[in-house]
Amino acid sequence: MRFSPLPIAGAWLVEPERLTDVRGFFARVWCEQEFADHGIAHRAVQANVGYSPKRGTLRGLHYQAAPDLEAKLVRCTRGAVWDVIVDLRPDSPSYRRWHAEELTADNHRMVYVPPLCAHGYLTLQNDTELWYHTSIAYAPASARGVRYDDPVFGIGWPEPVTVISQRDQEWPLLNGGALSP
């Protein structure tokens, strides 16, 4: 796997290295030791899949607060997404910055999202599926979110959001304030 650091401190773009022959290709997409060799202590505890039938569906921006801080390794297995990370760690050099990567079923790229970074994605095609594993089991009492359109972050979404949950629409705006992680 090839690991490329992203502008969000501790976030990585992970690209499987394909072994190709007449049958197609084979690639490793998870190896605890390879991640550790890059300073990523990620233990896969839970795997999730999200399916969206319509282009323009936004999910996020979600994170888990202490004591249930959650890291994610995210991959698009069908269709395409614009995958966004927002750094919510006040002591981070990239605090309140965002970064996005296009993940597709064809490019096989993955994004590692560190704990206390919000994560979300916008589907760029109909019938899109995202697969990810997390470092901790989902803890509803620790579930938090930030608004996808909060001017504090100024995320430039590439397409209009046409489908979004009521919960994701109602996360409070930061108004320049601090989060309560």
C-alpha atoms as a PDB file:
ATOM      1  CA  MET A   1       0.000   0.000   0.000  1.00  0.00           C
ATOM      2  CA  ARG A   2       1.105   3.550  -0.672  1.00  0.00           C
ATOM      3  CA  PHE A   3       0.508   6.062   2.124  1.00  0.00           C
ATOM      4  CA  SER A   4       0.341   9.786   1.330  1.00  0.00           C
ATOM      5  CA  PRO A   5      -0.172  12.286   4.166  1.00  0.00           C
ATOM      6  CA  LEU A   6      -3.098  14.667   3.705  1.00  0.00           C
ATOM      7  CA  PRO A   7      -3.250  18.347   4.788  1.00  0.00           C
ATOM      8  CA  ILE A   8      -5.240  17.317   7.885  1.00  0.00           C
ATOM      9  CA  ALA A   9      -2.767  16.279  10.600  1.00  0.00           C
ATOM     10  CA  GLY A  10      -2.794  12.493  10.992  1.00  0.00           C
ATOM     11  CA  ALA A  11      -5.041  11.873   7.955  1.00  0.00           C
ATOM     12  CA  TRP A  12      -3.791   9.713   5.101  1.00  0.00           C
ATOM     13  CA  LEU A  13      -4.654   8.756   1.559  1.00  0.00           C
ATOM     14  CA  VAL A  14      -4.053   5.011   1.239  1.00  0.00           C
ATOM     15  CA  GLU A  15      -3.729   3.468  -2.207  1.00  0.00           C
ATOM     16  CA  PRO A  16      -3.615  -0.287  -2.649  1.00  0.00           C
ATOM     17  CA  GLU A  17      -0.753  -1.547  -4.789  1.00  0.00           C
ATOM     18  CA  ARG A  18      -2.230  -3.846  -7.395  1.00  0.00           C
ATOM     19  CA  LEU A  19      -0.663  -7.110  -8.496  1.00  0.00           C
ATOM     20  CA  THR A  20      -2.087  -7.482 -11.986  1.00  0.00           C
ATOM     21  CA  ASP A  21      -2.209 -10.450 -14.345  1.00  0.00           C
ATOM     22  CA  VAL A  22      -4.629 -12.000 -16.854  1.00  0.00           C
ATOM     23  CA  ARG A  23      -7.161 -12.665 -14.074  1.00  0.00           C
ATOM     24  CA  GLY A  24      -7.360  -9.008 -13.056  1.00  0.00           C
ATOM     25  CA  PHE A  25      -5.659  -7.757  -9.912  1.00  0.00           C
ATOM     26  CA  PHE A  26      -5.126  -8.528  -6.255  1.00  0.00           C
ATOM     27  CA  ALA A  27      -4.380  -5.872  -3.641  1.00  0.00           C
ATOM     28  CA  ARG A  28      -4.018  -5.701   0.097  1.00  0.00           C
ATOM     29  CA  VAL A  29      -6.327  -3.068   1.619  1.00  0.00           C
ATOM     30  CA  TRP A  30      -5.620  -3.610   5.306  1.00  0.00           C
ATOM     31  CA  CYS A  31      -2.488  -4.584   7.192  1.00  0.00           C
ATOM     32  CA  GLU A  32      -2.171  -3.540  10.823  1.00  0.00           C
ATOM     33  CA  GLN A  33       1.632  -3.638  10.642  1.00  0.00           C
ATOM     34  CA  GLU A  34       1.827  -1.433   7.524  1.00  0.00           C
ATOM     35  CA  PHE A  35      -0.415   1.128   9.198  1.00  0.00           C
ATOM     36  CA  ALA A  36       1.712   0.977  12.364  1.00  0.00           C
ATOM     37  CA  ASP A  37       4.841   1.501  10.237  1.00  0.00           C
ATOM     38  CA  HIS A  38       3.279   4.853   9.213  1.00  0.00           C
ATOM     39  CA  GLY A  39       2.501   5.837  12.799  1.00  0.00           C
ATOM     40  CA  ILE A  40      -1.168   4.865  12.557  1.00  0.00           C
ATOM     41  CA  ALA A  41      -2.289   2.791  15.523  1.00  0.00           C
ATOM     42  CA  HIS A  42      -5.641   1.743  14.055  1.00  0.00           C
ATOM     43  CA  ARG A  43      -7.402  -1.322  15.331  1.00  0.00           C
ATOM     44  CA  ALA A  44     -10.395  -2.360  13.218  1.00  0.00           C
ATOM     45  CA  VAL A  45     -13.287  -3.044  15.610  1.00  0.00           C
ATOM     46  CA  GLN A  46     -16.428  -2.528  13.504  1.00  0.00           C
ATOM     47  CA  ALA A  47     -17.157  -2.529   9.767  1.00  0.00           C
ATOM     48  CA  ASN A  48     -19.996  -0.514   8.209  1.00  0.00           C
ATOM     49  CA  VAL A  49     -21.496  -0.025   4.794  1.00  0.00           C
ATOM     50  CA  GLY A  50     -23.577   2.909   3.590  1.00  0.00           C
ATOM     51  CA  TYR A  51     -25.654   2.794   0.413  1.00  0.00           C
ATOM     52  CA  SER A  52     -27.252   5.803  -1.275  1.00  0.00           C
ATOM     53  CA  PRO A  53     -29.464   5.338  -4.333  1.00  0.00           C
ATOM     54  CA  LYS A  54     -29.350   8.989  -5.427  1.00  0.00           C
ATOM     55  CA  ARG A  55     -26.557  11.253  -6.573  1.00  0.00           C
ATOM     56  CA  GLY A  56     -26.314  14.363  -4.387  1.00  0.00           C
ATOM     57  CA  THR A  57     -26.888  12.502  -1.110  1.00  0.00           C
ATOM     58  CA  LEU A  58     -24.906  13.927   1.783  1.00  0.00           C
ATOM     59  CA  ARG A  59     -24.060  11.918   4.892  1.00  0.00           C
ATOM     60  CA  GLY A  60     -22.231  13.706   7.670  1.00  0.00           C
ATOM     61  CA  LEU A  61     -20.333  15.428   9.024  1.00  0.00           C
ATOM     62  CA  HIS A  62     -20.091  12.954  11.942  1.00  0.00           C
ATOM     63  CA  TYR A  63     -17.639  12.121  14.701  1.00  0.00           C
ATOM     64  CA  GLN A  64     -17.646  10.524  18.135  1.00  0.00           C
ATOM     65  CA  ALA A  65     -16.689  12.501  21.239  1.00  0.00           C
ATOM     66  CA  ALA A  66     -14.635  11.281  24.204  1.00  0.00           C
ATOM     67  CA  PRO A  67     -14.475   8.749  25.663  1.00  0.00           C
ATOM     68  CA  ASP A  68     -15.461   7.012  22.420  1.00  0.00           C
ATOM     69  CA  LEU A  69     -13.066   8.693  19.981  1.00  0.00           C
ATOM     70  CA  GLU A  70     -13.310   6.970  16.629  1.00  0.00           C
ATOM     71  CA  ALA A  71     -10.933   6.680  13.682  1.00  0.00           C
ATOM     72  CA  LYS A  72     -12.138   5.413  10.291  1.00  0.00           C
ATOM     73  CA  LEU A  73     -10.673   3.817   7.190  1.00  0.00           C
ATOM     74  CA  VAL A  74     -13.061   4.645   4.327  1.00  0.00           C
ATOM     75  CA  ARG A  75     -13.378   3.187   0.815  1.00  0.00           C
ATOM     76  CA  CYS A  76     -15.976   3.572  -1.937  1.00  0.00           C
ATOM     77  CA  THR A  77     -16.959   0.123  -3.238  1.00  0.00           C
ATOM     78  CA  ARG A  78     -19.614   1.204  -5.745  1.00  0.00           C
ATOM     79  CA  GLY A  79     -20.111   4.515  -7.537  1.00  0.00           C
ATOM     80  CA  ALA A  80     -18.244   7.635  -6.399  1.00  0.00           C
ATOM     81  CA  VAL A  81     -18.128  10.050  -3.452  1.00  0.00           C
ATOM     82  CA  TRP A  82     -16.525  13.330  -2.527  1.00  0.00           C
ATOM     83  CA  ASP A  83     -15.177  12.362   0.886  1.00  0.00           C
ATOM     84  CA  VAL A  84     -14.552  15.168   3.419  1.00  0.00           C
ATOM     85  CA  ILE A  85     -12.567  15.357   6.652  1.00  0.00           C
ATOM     86  CA  VAL A  86     -12.817  18.347   9.032  1.00  0.00           C
ATOM     87  CA  ASP A  87     -10.265  18.677  11.825  1.00  0.00           C
ATOM     88  CA  LEU A  88     -12.013  19.408  15.150  1.00  0.00           C
ATOM     89  CA  ARG A  89      -8.955  19.030  17.420  1.00  0.00           C
ATOM     90  CA  PRO A  90      -8.189  22.441  19.011  1.00  0.00           C
ATOM     91  CA  ASP A  91      -4.514  21.505  19.545  1.00  0.00           C
ATOM     92  CA  SER A  92      -4.005  20.382  15.937  1.00  0.00           C
ATOM     93  CA  PRO A  93      -2.046  22.480  13.413  1.00  0.00           C
ATOM     94  CA  SER A  94      -4.897  21.877  10.949  1.00  0.00           C
ATOM     95  CA  TYR A  95      -7.712  22.781  13.377  1.00  0.00           C
ATOM     96  CA  ARG A  96     -10.944  23.715  11.526  1.00  0.00           C
ATOM     97  CA  ARG A  97      -9.413  22.959   8.146  1.00  0.00           C
ATOM     98  CA  TRP A  98     -11.091  20.559   5.751  1.00  0.00           C
ATOM     99  CA  HIS A  99      -9.828  18.317   3.009  1.00  0.00           C
ATOM    100  CA  ALA A 100     -11.658  16.240   0.404  1.00  0.00           C
ATOM    101  CA  GLU A 101     -10.730  13.326  -1.838  1.00  0.00           C
ATOM    102  CA  GLU A 102     -12.735  11.731  -4.609  1.00  0.00           C
ATOM    103  CA  LEU A 103     -13.115   8.052  -3.821  1.00  0.00           C
ATOM    104  CA  THR A 104     -14.514   5.770  -6.502  1.00  0.00           C
ATOM    105  CA  ALA A 105     -15.082   2.082  -6.994  1.00  0.00           C
ATOM    106  CA  ASP A 106     -12.567   2.289  -9.846  1.00  0.00           C
ATOM    107  CA  ASN A 107      -9.711   4.124  -8.113  1.00  0.00           C
ATOM    108  CA  HIS A 108      -9.817   1.900  -4.979  1.00  0.00           C
ATOM    109  CA  ARG A 109      -8.349   4.721  -2.878  1.00  0.00           C
ATOM    110  CA  MET A 110      -9.021   4.893   0.853  1.00  0.00           C
ATOM    111  CA  VAL A 111      -8.925   7.697   3.401  1.00  0.00           C
ATOM    112  CA  TYR A 112      -7.813   7.285   6.987  1.00  0.00           C
ATOM    113  CA  VAL A 113      -9.772   9.688   9.239  1.00  0.00           C
ATOM    114  CA  PRO A 114      -8.151  10.325  12.653  1.00  0.00           C
ATOM    115  CA  PRO A 115     -10.161  10.549  15.882  1.00  0.00           C
ATOM    116  CA  LEU A 116     -11.936  13.875  16.529  1.00  0.00           C
ATOM    117  CA  CYS A 117     -12.110  14.671  12.853  1.00  0.00           C
ATOM    118  CA  ALA A 118     -15.593  14.947  11.420  1.00  0.00           C
ATOM    119  CA  HIS A 119     -16.259  12.842   8.349  1.00  0.00           C
ATOM    120  CA  GLY A 120     -18.886  13.024   5.642  1.00  0.00           C
ATOM    121  CA  TYR A 121     -19.405  12.426   1.973  1.00  0.00           C
ATOM    122  CA  LEU A 122     -21.468  13.539  -0.981  1.00  0.00           C
ATOM    123  CA  THR A 123     -22.446  10.927  -3.552  1.00  0.00           C
ATOM    124  CA  LEU A 124     -21.366  11.791  -7.092  1.00  0.00           C
ATOM    125  CA  GLN A 125     -23.272   8.953  -8.772  1.00  0.00           C
ATOM    126  CA  ASN A 126     -26.517   7.085  -8.265  1.00  0.00           C
ATOM    127  CA  ASP A 127     -26.268   3.741  -6.458  1.00  0.00           C
ATOM    128  CA  THR A 128     -23.163   4.552  -4.455  1.00  0.00           C
ATOM    129  CA  GLU A 129     -21.833   2.427  -1.633  1.00  0.00           C
ATOM    130  CA  LEU A 130     -19.218   3.301   0.965  1.00  0.00           C
ATOM    131  CA  TRP A 131     -17.470   0.728   3.162  1.00  0.00           C
ATOM    132  CA  TYR A 132     -15.463   1.651   6.237  1.00  0.00           C
ATOM    133  CA  HIS A 133     -14.144   0.191   9.415  1.00  0.00           C
ATOM    134  CA  THR A 134     -13.828   1.978  12.707  1.00  0.00           C
ATOM    135  CA  SER A 135     -11.469   1.798  15.661  1.00  0.00           C
ATOM    136  CA  ILE A 136     -14.329   1.619  18.170  1.00  0.00           C
ATOM    137  CA  ALA A 137     -17.907   0.420  18.142  1.00  0.00           C
ATOM    138  CA  TYR A 138     -20.617   2.986  17.511  1.00  0.00           C
ATOM    139  CA  ALA A 139     -21.584   4.714  20.767  1.00  0.00           C
ATOM    140  CA  PRO A 140     -24.858   6.647  20.346  1.00  0.00           C
ATOM    141  CA  ALA A 141     -24.241   8.768  23.472  1.00  0.00           C
ATOM    142  CA  SER A 142     -20.959  10.006  21.959  1.00  0.00           C
ATOM    143  CA  ALA A 143     -22.289  10.636  18.442  1.00  0.00           C
ATOM    144  CA  ARG A 144     -21.835  14.243  17.344  1.00  0.00           C
ATOM    145  CA  GLY A 145     -21.851  16.238  14.160  1.00  0.00           C
ATOM    146  CA  VAL A 146     -21.134  19.575  12.561  1.00  0.00           C
ATOM    147  CA  ARG A 147     -23.076  21.252   9.786  1.00  0.00           C
ATOM    148  CA  TYR A 148     -21.939  20.520   6.251  1.00  0.00           C
ATOM    149  CA  ASP A 149     -22.600  24.162   5.316  1.00  0.00           C
ATOM    150  CA  ASP A 150     -21.084  25.847   8.385  1.00  0.00           C
ATOM    151  CA  PRO A 151     -19.326  29.027   7.188  1.00  0.00           C
ATOM    152  CA  VAL A 152     -16.645  28.476   9.856  1.00  0.00           C
ATOM    153  CA  PHE A 153     -15.330  25.647   7.658  1.00  0.00           C
ATOM    154  CA  GLY A 154     -16.333  27.007   4.231  1.00  0.00           C
ATOM    155  CA  ILE A 155     -16.446  23.609   2.556  1.00  0.00           C
ATOM    156  CA  GLY A 156     -16.780  23.961  -1.203  1.00  0.00           C
ATOM    157  CA  TRP A 157     -19.037  21.065  -2.095  1.00  0.00           C
ATOM    158  CA  PRO A 158     -18.658  20.185  -5.803  1.00  0.00           C
ATOM    159  CA  GLU A 159     -22.387  19.605  -6.415  1.00  0.00           C
ATOM    160  CA  PRO A 160     -25.656  20.609  -4.770  1.00  0.00           C
ATOM    161  CA  VAL A 161     -26.843  18.589  -1.791  1.00  0.00           C
ATOM    162  CA  THR A 162     -30.234  17.190  -2.810  1.00  0.00           C
ATOM    163  CA  VAL A 163     -30.770  14.463  -0.171  1.00  0.00           C
ATOM    164  CA  ILE A 164     -29.832  14.904   3.501  1.00  0.00           C
ATOM    165  CA  SER A 165     -31.219  13.622   6.783  1.00  0.00           C
ATOM    166  CA  GLN A 166     -33.037  15.954   9.142  1.00  0.00           C
ATOM    167  CA  ARG A 167     -30.422  15.230  11.804  1.00  0.00           C
ATOM    168  CA  ASP A 168     -27.567  16.295   9.502  1.00  0.00           C
ATOM    169  CA  GLN A 169     -29.438  19.498   8.575  1.00  0.00           C
ATOM    170  CA  GLU A 170     -29.942  20.398  12.232  1.00  0.00           C
ATOM    171  CA  TRP A 171     -26.438  20.168  13.665  1.00  0.00           C
ATOM    172  CA  PRO A 172     -25.748  23.577  15.235  1.00  0.00           C
ATOM    173  CA  LEU A 173     -23.549  26.153  13.522  1.00  0.00           C
ATOM    174  CA  LEU A 174     -20.334  26.891  15.403  1.00  0.00           C
ATOM    175  CA  ASN A 175     -20.665  30.682  14.966  1.00  0.00           C
ATOM    176  CA  GLY A 176     -16.948  31.000  15.598  1.00  0.00           C
ATOM    177  CA  GLY A 177     -17.245  29.155  18.903  1.00  0.00           C
ATOM    178  CA  ALA A 178     -15.494  26.050  20.084  1.00  0.00           C
ATOM    179  CA  LEU A 179     -16.835  22.528  20.022  1.00  0.00           C
ATOM    180  CA  SER A 180     -17.522  20.562  23.167  1.00  0.00           C
ATOM    181  CA  PRO A 181     -15.858  17.275  22.261  1.00  0.00           C
END
